[in-house]
C-alpha atoms as a PDB file:
ATOM      1  CA  UNK A   1     -85.965   6.401  -6.094  1.00  0.00           C
ATOM      2  CA  UNK A   2     -86.561   3.032  -4.530  1.00  0.00           C
ATOM      3  CA  UNK A   3     -89.983   1.751  -3.494  1.00  0.00           C
ATOM      4  CA  UNK A   4     -90.421   0.233  -0.021  1.00  0.00           C
ATOM      5  CA  UNK A   5     -93.429  -1.830   1.082  1.00  0.00           C
ATOM      6  CA  UNK A   6     -94.186  -1.635   4.795  1.00  0.00           C
ATOM      7  CA  UNK A   7     -95.654  -4.479   6.845  1.00  0.00           C
ATOM      8  CA  UNK A   8     -97.014  -4.435  10.403  1.00  0.00           C
ATOM      9  CA  UNK A   9     -97.909  -7.056  12.969  1.00  0.00           C
ATOM     10  CA  UNK A  10     -99.226  -5.738  16.246  1.00  0.00           C
ATOM     11  CA  UNK A  11     -96.790  -3.020  17.271  1.00  0.00           C
ATOM     12  CA  UNK A  12     -93.939  -4.233  15.038  1.00  0.00           C
ATOM     13  CA  UNK A  13     -93.079  -2.769  11.657  1.00  0.00           C
ATOM     14  CA  UNK A  14     -90.682  -3.846   8.933  1.00  0.00           C
ATOM     15  CA  UNK A  15     -90.322  -3.184   5.224  1.00  0.00           C
ATOM     16  CA  UNK A  16     -88.975  -4.590   1.979  1.00  0.00           C
ATOM     17  CA  UNK A  17     -87.407  -3.027  -1.099  1.00  0.00           C
ATOM     18  CA  UNK A  18     -89.924  -3.905  -3.834  1.00  0.00           C
ATOM     19  CA  UNK A  19     -87.118  -4.074  -6.403  1.00  0.00           C
ATOM     20  CA  UNK A  20     -85.061  -6.758  -4.667  1.00  0.00           C
ATOM     21  CA  UNK A  21     -84.875 -10.152  -6.337  1.00  0.00           C
ATOM     22  CA  UNK A  22     -86.572 -12.016  -3.480  1.00  0.00           C
ATOM     23  CA  UNK A  23     -89.250  -9.403  -2.702  1.00  0.00           C
ATOM     24  CA  UNK A  24     -92.187 -11.682  -3.612  1.00  0.00           C
ATOM     25  CA  UNK A  25     -90.830 -14.595  -1.579  1.00  0.00           C
ATOM     26  CA  UNK A  26     -89.953 -12.439   1.453  1.00  0.00           C
ATOM     27  CA  UNK A  27     -93.328 -10.682   1.263  1.00  0.00           C
ATOM     28  CA  UNK A  28     -95.160 -14.023   1.257  1.00  0.00           C
ATOM     29  CA  UNK A  29     -93.133 -15.113   4.290  1.00  0.00           C
ATOM     30  CA  UNK A  30     -94.088 -11.952   6.177  1.00  0.00           C
ATOM     31  CA  UNK A  31     -97.763 -12.394   5.289  1.00  0.00           C
ATOM     32  CA  UNK A  32     -97.643 -16.057   6.368  1.00  0.00           C
ATOM     33  CA  UNK A  33     -96.109 -14.934   9.669  1.00  0.00           C
ATOM     34  CA  UNK A  34     -99.111 -12.685  10.316  1.00  0.00           C
ATOM     35  CA  UNK A  35     -97.786  -9.359   9.050  1.00  0.00           C
ATOM     36  CA  UNK A  36    -100.131  -7.111   7.047  1.00  0.00           C
ATOM     37  CA  UNK A  37     -98.996  -4.974   4.109  1.00  0.00           C
ATOM     38  CA  UNK A  38     -99.805  -1.289   4.609  1.00  0.00           C
ATOM     39  CA  UNK A  39    -101.111   0.518   1.551  1.00  0.00           C
ATOM     40  CA  UNK A  40     -98.982   1.278  -1.464  1.00  0.00           C
ATOM     41  CA  UNK A  41     -95.179   1.217  -1.349  1.00  0.00           C
ATOM     42  CA  UNK A  42     -93.429   4.445  -0.376  1.00  0.00           C
ATOM     43  CA  UNK A  43     -90.746   5.946  -2.601  1.00  0.00           C
ATOM     44  CA  UNK A  44     -87.532   7.047  -0.898  1.00  0.00           C
ATOM     45  CA  UNK A  45     -83.862   7.555  -1.679  1.00  0.00           C
ATOM     46  CA  UNK A  46     -82.699   4.995   0.907  1.00  0.00           C
ATOM     47  CA  UNK A  47     -84.013   2.789   3.758  1.00  0.00           C
ATOM     48  CA  UNK A  48     -83.504   5.494   6.398  1.00  0.00           C
ATOM     49  CA  UNK A  49     -85.527   8.000   4.365  1.00  0.00           C
ATOM     50  CA  UNK A  50     -88.230   5.338   3.895  1.00  0.00           C
ATOM     51  CA  UNK A  51     -88.533   4.828   7.660  1.00  0.00           C
ATOM     52  CA  UNK A  52     -88.657   8.565   8.235  1.00  0.00           C
ATOM     53  CA  UNK A  53     -91.421   8.913   5.624  1.00  0.00           C
ATOM     54  CA  UNK A  54     -93.357   6.021   7.154  1.00  0.00           C
ATOM     55  CA  UNK A  55     -93.299   7.555  10.636  1.00  0.00           C
ATOM     56  CA  UNK A  56     -94.606  10.849   9.228  1.00  0.00           C
ATOM     57  CA  UNK A  57     -97.720   9.148   7.794  1.00  0.00           C
ATOM     58  CA  UNK A  58    -100.981  10.092   9.535  1.00  0.00           C
ATOM     59  CA  UNK A  59    -101.796   6.540  10.677  1.00  0.00           C
ATOM     60  CA  UNK A  60    -104.182   5.869  13.511  1.00  0.00           C
ATOM     61  CA  UNK A  61    -102.159   6.040  16.717  1.00  0.00           C
ATOM     62  CA  UNK A  62    -101.529   2.551  18.095  1.00  0.00           C
ATOM     63  CA  UNK A  63    -102.120   1.857  21.764  1.00  0.00           C
ATOM     64  CA  UNK A  64     -98.353   1.352  22.091  1.00  0.00           C
ATOM     65  CA  UNK A  65     -95.591   2.785  19.907  1.00  0.00           C
ATOM     66  CA  UNK A  66     -94.598   0.726  16.894  1.00  0.00           C
ATOM     67  CA  UNK A  67     -91.365  -1.168  17.377  1.00  0.00           C
ATOM     68  CA  UNK A  68     -88.752  -0.334  14.768  1.00  0.00           C
ATOM     69  CA  UNK A  69     -87.332  -3.672  13.712  1.00  0.00           C
ATOM     70  CA  UNK A  70     -83.527  -3.791  13.609  1.00  0.00           C
ATOM     71  CA  UNK A  71     -83.921  -6.272  10.761  1.00  0.00           C
ATOM     72  CA  UNK A  72     -85.815  -3.841   8.531  1.00  0.00           C
ATOM     73  CA  UNK A  73     -82.657  -2.341   7.053  1.00  0.00           C
ATOM     74  CA  UNK A  74     -81.226  -5.805   6.380  1.00  0.00           C
ATOM     75  CA  UNK A  75     -84.405  -6.871   4.603  1.00  0.00           C
ATOM     76  CA  UNK A  76     -84.467  -3.719   2.509  1.00  0.00           C
ATOM     77  CA  UNK A  77     -80.821  -4.009   1.437  1.00  0.00           C
END
């Protein structure tokens, strides 16, 4: 199983595969851009399963729905 770290900024969410070669660099870029890492990475079989697992988490409901970034799958690949 692959581990995916999720990041949020306002109502936007994206994630990174923690095993990818540039994970540390990409994570620092997200943090510098104002994203916040959410908890521990989630384990999933693929990026789609990771997103499904993330949206099942009992997080506090935002005032607006989180925006699913179309770039999340590219970043996780």
